[in-house]
Amino acid sequence: MVRKKSLLIGINYTGSQNELRGCHQDVENVAEFLAYRGFSSDPRSQVILRDDAPGSYYPTGHNILAAMDWLVSEPGTCNFLHYSGHGGQVVDPTGNRPSGVIDTICPVDFRSRGQINSDTLHQHLVTQLPPNSTLFVILDCCHSGSALELPFVYRSDDDGNVSVIDNLKEGVHLMTEANDLFRGGFSFDKMAEAEDLWAGATNFFRGFKHMGESHPAGLGEDANYAAYAREQKMVTMFSGCRDDQTSADANINGTSEGAMSWAFLEIMKQNSNPSYLQTLQDTRYALRQSNYSQVPQLSIGREIDLNLGLFL
């Protein structure tokens, strides 16, 4: 029998100007769901970080990363991560992203110790995941679409049509177009056009540099493209919204909880074994029916059949 592990993080930022109301409730709801799915609540198999918990269970940046390292430390395991709290964006430390910013999550001590950016999350959760383990992630926070820097991204529209944003293929296509512009000589007009093309590339191809006045340097090595592209890890993530959106608190029967967490669990109540495709479509529908404009996304570390049942 496959060993199952889970990490649940809920941060209300109690007493601060950034206070939320539903994140602790999200943790309780998800823990109940996991119990029905065969996940143990034994502390050797489940870690819960909340900002009303003491010591090592208090969700500081240090404790969050330590808990993430614990989660993906064992080969041959089925792992589940749920985060409910603030998400944000900070100045990209690599300078490679045309937007100038990078997605983050916000530990309880983010004002004094900083936020955890998507490159760091990828390194701790995806890169360190053993090849024969799996990881299922729900991020219920703002600006979460690229929070793990995964290569395949899917969105559903209001009619249930799913579009795929294949970061790898799109990036290669845009890179080729940009390089083609420089055949026959460099010009500033060509540089501007190439910059526009490269700015359209997604996470792995956000970098744009040039050496002298000859050609774009390419992939932006600081984005770790080569390593990310080769990993092929079985990591799936449902995020509460696109990079440019906020993720709402919901009030359900008088109880505050995250809108994405609520919608996902509602889908699970209606169908105990939905496919990835159905989960994405139904989650979008549930949010729209409840007047939430956020667009949930499904991101995956490698190509899979979206008609498969959820691997958790």
Protein backbone atom coordinates (compact mmCIF):
# COMPACT_ATOMS: atom_id res chain seq x y z
CA MET A 1 0.00 0.00 0.00
CA VAL A 2 1.35 3.42 -1.00
CA ARG A 3 2.28 5.65 1.92
CA LYS A 4 0.29 8.91 1.94
CA LYS A 5 1.56 12.16 3.44
CA SER A 6 -0.05 15.58 3.71
CA LEU A 7 0.90 19.13 4.62
CA LEU A 8 -1.84 21.67 5.34
CA ILE A 9 -1.03 25.36 5.81
CA GLY A 10 -3.61 27.92 6.92
CA ILE A 11 -2.63 31.49 7.79
CA ASN A 12 -5.16 34.08 8.96
CA TYR A 13 -2.47 36.68 9.88
CA THR A 14 -4.47 37.23 13.04
CA GLY A 15 -4.20 40.70 14.52
CA SER A 16 -2.39 42.19 11.54
CA GLN A 17 -3.57 44.63 8.89
CA ASN A 18 -3.44 41.71 6.45
CA GLU A 19 -5.86 39.56 8.46
CA LEU A 20 -7.91 36.90 6.69
CA ARG A 21 -10.83 34.97 8.12
CA GLY A 22 -11.23 31.62 6.38
CA CYS A 23 -7.82 29.97 6.21
CA HIS A 24 -8.01 28.00 9.46
CA GLN A 25 -11.42 26.73 8.43
CA ASP A 26 -9.95 25.66 5.08
CA VAL A 27 -7.39 23.51 6.90
CA GLU A 28 -10.09 21.83 8.97
CA ASN A 29 -12.25 21.17 5.91
CA VAL A 30 -9.38 19.76 3.87
CA ALA A 31 -8.19 17.58 6.78
CA GLU A 32 -11.67 16.07 6.99
CA PHE A 33 -11.67 15.44 3.23
CA LEU A 34 -8.25 13.76 3.37
CA ALA A 35 -9.39 11.44 6.15
CA TYR A 36 -12.09 10.16 3.82
CA ARG A 37 -9.46 9.68 1.11
CA GLY A 38 -7.33 7.41 3.29
CA PHE A 39 -4.77 9.96 4.52
CA SER A 40 -3.70 9.45 8.11
CA SER A 41 -3.81 12.26 10.68
CA ASP A 42 -0.89 10.70 12.53
CA PRO A 43 1.83 13.37 12.97
CA ARG A 44 4.28 11.11 11.13
CA SER A 45 2.04 11.38 8.06
CA GLN A 46 0.30 14.75 8.38
CA VAL A 47 1.70 18.14 9.36
CA ILE A 48 -0.58 21.14 9.93
CA LEU A 49 0.82 24.67 10.16
CA ARG A 50 -1.50 27.42 11.44
CA ASP A 51 -0.82 30.80 12.99
CA ASP A 52 -2.71 29.79 16.12
CA ALA A 53 -0.32 26.86 16.65
CA PRO A 54 2.88 26.95 18.73
CA GLY A 55 6.52 26.41 17.97
CA SER A 56 7.49 24.44 14.89
CA TYR A 57 3.85 24.33 13.75
CA TYR A 58 3.72 28.15 13.43
CA PRO A 59 3.84 28.97 9.69
CA THR A 60 6.99 31.06 9.46
CA GLY A 61 8.93 30.96 6.23
CA HIS A 62 11.52 28.69 7.83
CA ASN A 63 8.90 26.26 9.13
CA ILE A 64 6.99 26.20 5.84
CA LEU A 65 10.07 25.28 3.82
CA ALA A 66 11.14 22.70 6.42
CA ALA A 67 7.67 21.13 6.29
CA MET A 68 7.75 21.09 2.49
CA ASP A 69 11.11 19.34 2.58
CA TRP A 70 9.62 16.76 4.96
CA LEU A 71 6.60 16.25 2.71
CA VAL A 72 8.58 15.23 -0.38
CA SER A 73 11.46 13.49 1.41
CA GLU A 74 10.42 9.86 0.90
CA PRO A 75 10.42 7.84 -2.33
CA GLY A 76 7.33 5.98 -3.43
CA THR A 77 4.84 8.22 -1.62
CA CYS A 78 1.58 9.97 -2.52
CA ASN A 79 1.80 13.53 -1.20
CA PHE A 80 -0.80 16.27 -0.74
CA LEU A 81 -0.21 19.98 -0.06
CA HIS A 82 -2.86 22.57 0.67
CA TYR A 83 -2.03 26.24 1.24
CA SER A 84 -4.58 28.87 2.23
CA GLY A 85 -3.28 32.36 2.89
CA HIS A 86 -1.98 35.40 1.11
CA GLY A 87 -0.23 35.15 -2.23
CA GLY A 88 1.66 38.01 -3.73
CA GLN A 89 4.21 39.18 -6.22
CA VAL A 90 7.64 40.67 -5.57
CA VAL A 91 10.39 42.06 -7.73
CA ASP A 92 11.98 39.22 -9.68
CA PRO A 93 15.43 38.75 -8.12
CA THR A 94 16.85 37.31 -11.36
CA GLY A 95 15.78 40.27 -13.47
CA ASN A 96 14.75 37.86 -16.24
CA ARG A 97 10.98 38.34 -16.27
CA PRO A 98 9.67 41.12 -18.53
CA SER A 99 6.91 41.80 -16.01
CA GLY A 100 9.59 42.42 -13.41
CA VAL A 101 7.72 40.37 -10.79
CA ILE A 102 7.52 36.77 -9.57
CA ASP A 103 4.66 34.96 -7.78
CA THR A 104 4.95 34.26 -4.05
CA ILE A 105 3.22 32.87 -0.99
CA CYS A 106 3.32 34.85 2.25
CA PRO A 107 4.42 33.19 5.51
CA VAL A 108 3.10 34.68 8.72
CA ASP A 109 6.42 36.53 9.14
CA PHE A 110 6.61 37.79 5.55
CA ARG A 111 6.88 41.43 6.58
CA SER A 112 10.10 40.82 8.51
CA ARG A 113 11.55 37.78 6.71
CA GLY A 114 10.18 38.13 3.19
CA GLN A 115 7.93 36.07 0.94
CA ILE A 116 8.65 32.67 -0.65
CA ASN A 117 8.86 32.98 -4.41
CA SER A 118 7.87 30.45 -7.06
CA ASP A 119 11.44 29.47 -7.94
CA THR A 120 12.07 28.56 -4.29
CA LEU A 121 8.78 26.64 -4.10
CA HIS A 122 9.70 24.70 -7.22
CA GLN A 123 13.09 23.76 -5.85
CA HIS A 124 11.71 22.54 -2.54
CA LEU A 125 8.60 20.76 -3.83
CA VAL A 126 9.22 19.67 -7.41
CA THR A 127 12.97 19.33 -7.82
CA GLN A 128 13.30 17.47 -4.50
CA LEU A 129 10.33 15.17 -5.16
CA PRO A 130 11.59 11.60 -5.77
CA PRO A 131 10.83 10.46 -9.34
CA ASN A 132 8.57 7.63 -8.13
CA SER A 133 6.52 9.86 -5.80
CA THR A 134 3.54 12.07 -6.65
CA LEU A 135 2.46 15.46 -5.37
CA PHE A 136 -1.03 16.99 -5.51
CA VAL A 137 -1.25 20.69 -4.61
CA ILE A 138 -4.08 23.13 -3.96
CA LEU A 139 -3.07 26.77 -3.64
CA ASP A 140 -5.90 29.00 -2.44
CA CYS A 141 -4.27 32.40 -2.69
CA CYS A 142 -3.87 35.39 -4.97
CA HIS A 143 -1.46 35.39 -7.94
CA SER A 144 -1.07 31.63 -7.72
CA GLY A 145 -1.17 30.52 -11.35
CA SER A 146 2.60 30.12 -11.73
CA ALA A 147 3.48 29.50 -8.11
CA LEU A 148 5.22 26.17 -8.82
CA GLU A 149 6.58 26.99 -12.28
CA LEU A 150 5.09 23.86 -13.88
CA PRO A 151 5.26 23.42 -17.67
CA PHE A 152 1.67 22.51 -18.63
CA VAL A 153 -1.17 24.85 -17.70
CA TYR A 154 -4.89 24.39 -18.38
CA ARG A 155 -7.81 26.80 -17.96
CA SER A 156 -11.55 26.37 -18.43
CA ASP A 157 -13.88 29.04 -19.77
CA ASP A 158 -17.47 29.59 -18.65
CA ASP A 159 -18.73 27.10 -21.24
CA GLY A 160 -16.44 24.34 -20.00
CA ASN A 161 -13.97 24.58 -22.88
CA VAL A 162 -10.44 23.91 -21.68
CA SER A 163 -7.47 25.64 -23.25
CA VAL A 164 -3.93 24.43 -22.78
CA ILE A 165 -0.99 26.73 -22.31
CA ASP A 166 1.95 24.46 -23.04
CA ASN A 167 4.78 26.50 -21.56
CA LEU A 168 7.47 24.35 -23.14
CA LYS A 169 6.13 24.31 -26.71
CA GLU A 170 5.02 27.94 -26.57
CA GLY A 171 8.40 28.99 -25.28
CA VAL A 172 10.26 27.09 -28.00
CA HIS A 173 7.98 28.59 -30.66
CA LEU A 174 8.52 32.14 -29.41
CA MET A 175 12.25 31.61 -29.01
CA THR A 176 12.51 30.43 -32.62
CA GLU A 177 10.56 33.42 -33.90
CA ALA A 178 12.73 35.82 -31.91
CA ASN A 179 15.96 34.23 -33.13
CA ASP A 180 14.71 34.31 -36.73
CA LEU A 181 14.42 38.09 -36.51
CA PHE A 182 18.18 38.43 -36.13
CA ARG A 183 19.15 36.46 -39.23
CA GLY A 184 20.50 39.00 -41.68
CA GLY A 185 21.72 41.47 -39.13
CA PHE A 186 20.81 43.28 -35.95
CA SER A 187 18.65 46.37 -35.70
CA PHE A 188 16.94 48.12 -32.83
CA ASP A 189 13.58 47.63 -34.56
CA LYS A 190 14.24 43.90 -34.62
CA MET A 191 15.33 43.98 -30.99
CA ALA A 192 12.05 45.65 -29.98
CA GLU A 193 10.02 43.10 -31.92
CA ALA A 194 11.98 40.23 -30.41
CA GLU A 195 11.48 41.64 -26.93
CA ASP A 196 7.73 41.65 -27.53
CA LEU A 197 7.86 38.00 -28.60
CA TRP A 198 9.92 36.97 -25.64
CA ALA A 199 7.68 38.92 -23.28
CA GLY A 200 4.82 36.72 -24.46
CA ALA A 201 6.57 33.52 -23.46
CA THR A 202 5.47 31.91 -20.22
CA ASN A 203 7.38 30.94 -17.11
CA PHE A 204 10.32 29.08 -18.58
CA PHE A 205 10.98 31.66 -21.30
CA ARG A 206 10.46 34.95 -19.56
CA GLY A 207 14.15 35.85 -19.79
CA PHE A 208 15.46 38.19 -22.46
CA LYS A 209 19.07 39.34 -22.68
CA HIS A 210 21.43 40.22 -25.50
CA MET A 211 25.18 40.10 -25.84
CA GLY A 212 26.62 43.17 -27.48
CA GLU A 213 24.38 43.88 -30.48
CA SER A 214 24.25 40.46 -32.09
CA HIS A 215 21.53 38.19 -30.73
CA PRO A 216 19.35 37.43 -27.72
CA ALA A 217 21.17 35.29 -25.19
CA GLY A 218 18.25 32.93 -25.02
CA LEU A 219 16.65 31.20 -22.15
CA GLY A 220 17.56 33.25 -19.14
CA GLU A 221 19.66 30.76 -17.24
CA ASP A 222 18.53 32.09 -13.86
CA ALA A 223 15.05 30.67 -14.56
CA ASN A 224 16.54 27.17 -14.40
CA TYR A 225 14.80 26.28 -17.63
CA ALA A 226 17.01 23.33 -18.57
CA ALA A 227 16.58 21.63 -15.20
CA TYR A 228 12.84 22.28 -15.00
CA ALA A 229 12.21 20.96 -18.50
CA ARG A 230 13.92 17.65 -17.80
CA GLU A 231 12.29 16.87 -14.46
CA GLN A 232 9.03 15.30 -15.70
CA LYS A 233 7.68 14.95 -12.16
CA MET A 234 4.12 13.81 -11.44
CA VAL A 235 3.08 17.06 -9.80
CA THR A 236 -0.42 18.46 -10.28
CA MET A 237 -1.62 21.77 -8.90
CA PHE A 238 -5.03 23.40 -8.79
CA SER A 239 -4.57 27.11 -8.16
CA GLY A 240 -7.27 29.54 -7.16
CA CYS A 241 -6.68 32.02 -9.96
CA ARG A 242 -4.40 33.29 -12.70
CA ASP A 243 -1.17 35.15 -11.95
CA ASP A 244 -2.91 38.49 -12.37
CA GLN A 245 -5.96 37.74 -10.20
CA THR A 246 -6.91 37.76 -6.55
CA SER A 247 -8.46 34.81 -4.76
CA ALA A 248 -11.50 35.51 -2.63
CA ASP A 249 -12.66 34.66 0.84
CA ALA A 250 -16.10 33.06 0.71
CA ASN A 251 -18.91 33.14 3.25
CA ILE A 252 -20.64 29.77 3.19
CA ASN A 253 -23.59 29.39 5.54
CA GLY A 254 -22.10 32.07 7.78
CA THR A 255 -18.62 30.51 7.84
CA SER A 256 -15.58 32.13 6.24
CA GLU A 257 -13.47 29.92 3.99
CA GLY A 258 -11.41 30.28 0.82
CA ALA A 259 -13.49 30.28 -2.35
CA MET A 260 -11.15 27.90 -4.20
CA SER A 261 -10.94 25.46 -1.29
CA TRP A 262 -14.73 25.50 -0.91
CA ALA A 263 -15.32 24.94 -4.65
CA PHE A 264 -12.83 22.06 -4.85
CA LEU A 265 -14.33 20.27 -1.85
CA GLU A 266 -17.85 20.76 -3.22
CA ILE A 267 -16.78 18.98 -6.42
CA MET A 268 -15.29 16.15 -4.38
CA LYS A 269 -18.57 15.75 -2.46
CA GLN A 270 -20.52 15.42 -5.70
CA ASN A 271 -18.11 12.98 -7.35
CA SER A 272 -15.62 10.92 -5.37
CA ASN A 273 -13.44 10.17 -8.41
CA PRO A 274 -13.67 12.99 -10.96
CA SER A 275 -11.13 13.36 -13.73
CA TYR A 276 -8.65 16.22 -13.84
CA LEU A 277 -10.65 17.72 -16.70
CA GLN A 278 -13.97 17.47 -14.91
CA THR A 279 -12.52 18.89 -11.70
CA LEU A 280 -11.17 21.93 -13.54
CA GLN A 281 -14.42 22.52 -15.40
CA ASP A 282 -16.67 21.99 -12.40
CA THR A 283 -14.53 24.14 -10.10
CA ARG A 284 -14.73 27.03 -12.57
CA TYR A 285 -18.49 26.52 -12.84
CA ALA A 286 -18.97 26.46 -9.06
CA LEU A 287 -17.03 29.70 -8.65
CA ARG A 288 -18.94 31.43 -11.43
CA GLN A 289 -22.29 30.27 -10.06
CA SER A 290 -21.34 31.85 -6.73
CA ASN A 291 -20.32 35.12 -8.45
CA TYR A 292 -16.56 34.72 -8.07
CA SER A 293 -14.68 35.97 -11.13
CA GLN A 294 -11.39 34.18 -10.43
CA VAL A 295 -10.27 31.60 -12.99
CA PRO A 296 -8.87 28.41 -11.45
CA GLN A 297 -5.99 26.73 -13.24
CA LEU A 298 -4.58 23.24 -13.45
CA SER A 299 -0.81 23.01 -13.77
CA ILE A 300 1.04 19.74 -14.31
CA GLY A 301 4.69 18.73 -14.33
CA ARG A 302 4.35 16.42 -17.35
CA GLU A 303 1.80 15.58 -20.01
CA ILE A 304 -1.00 13.29 -18.83
CA ASP A 305 -4.45 12.23 -19.99
CA LEU A 306 -6.77 14.76 -18.36
CA ASN A 307 -9.55 12.16 -18.38
CA LEU A 308 -7.70 10.16 -15.71
CA GLY A 309 -9.12 10.23 -12.18
CA LEU A 310 -7.33 12.47 -9.71
CA PHE A 311 -4.12 10.88 -8.51
CA LEU A 312 -4.43 11.40 -4.78
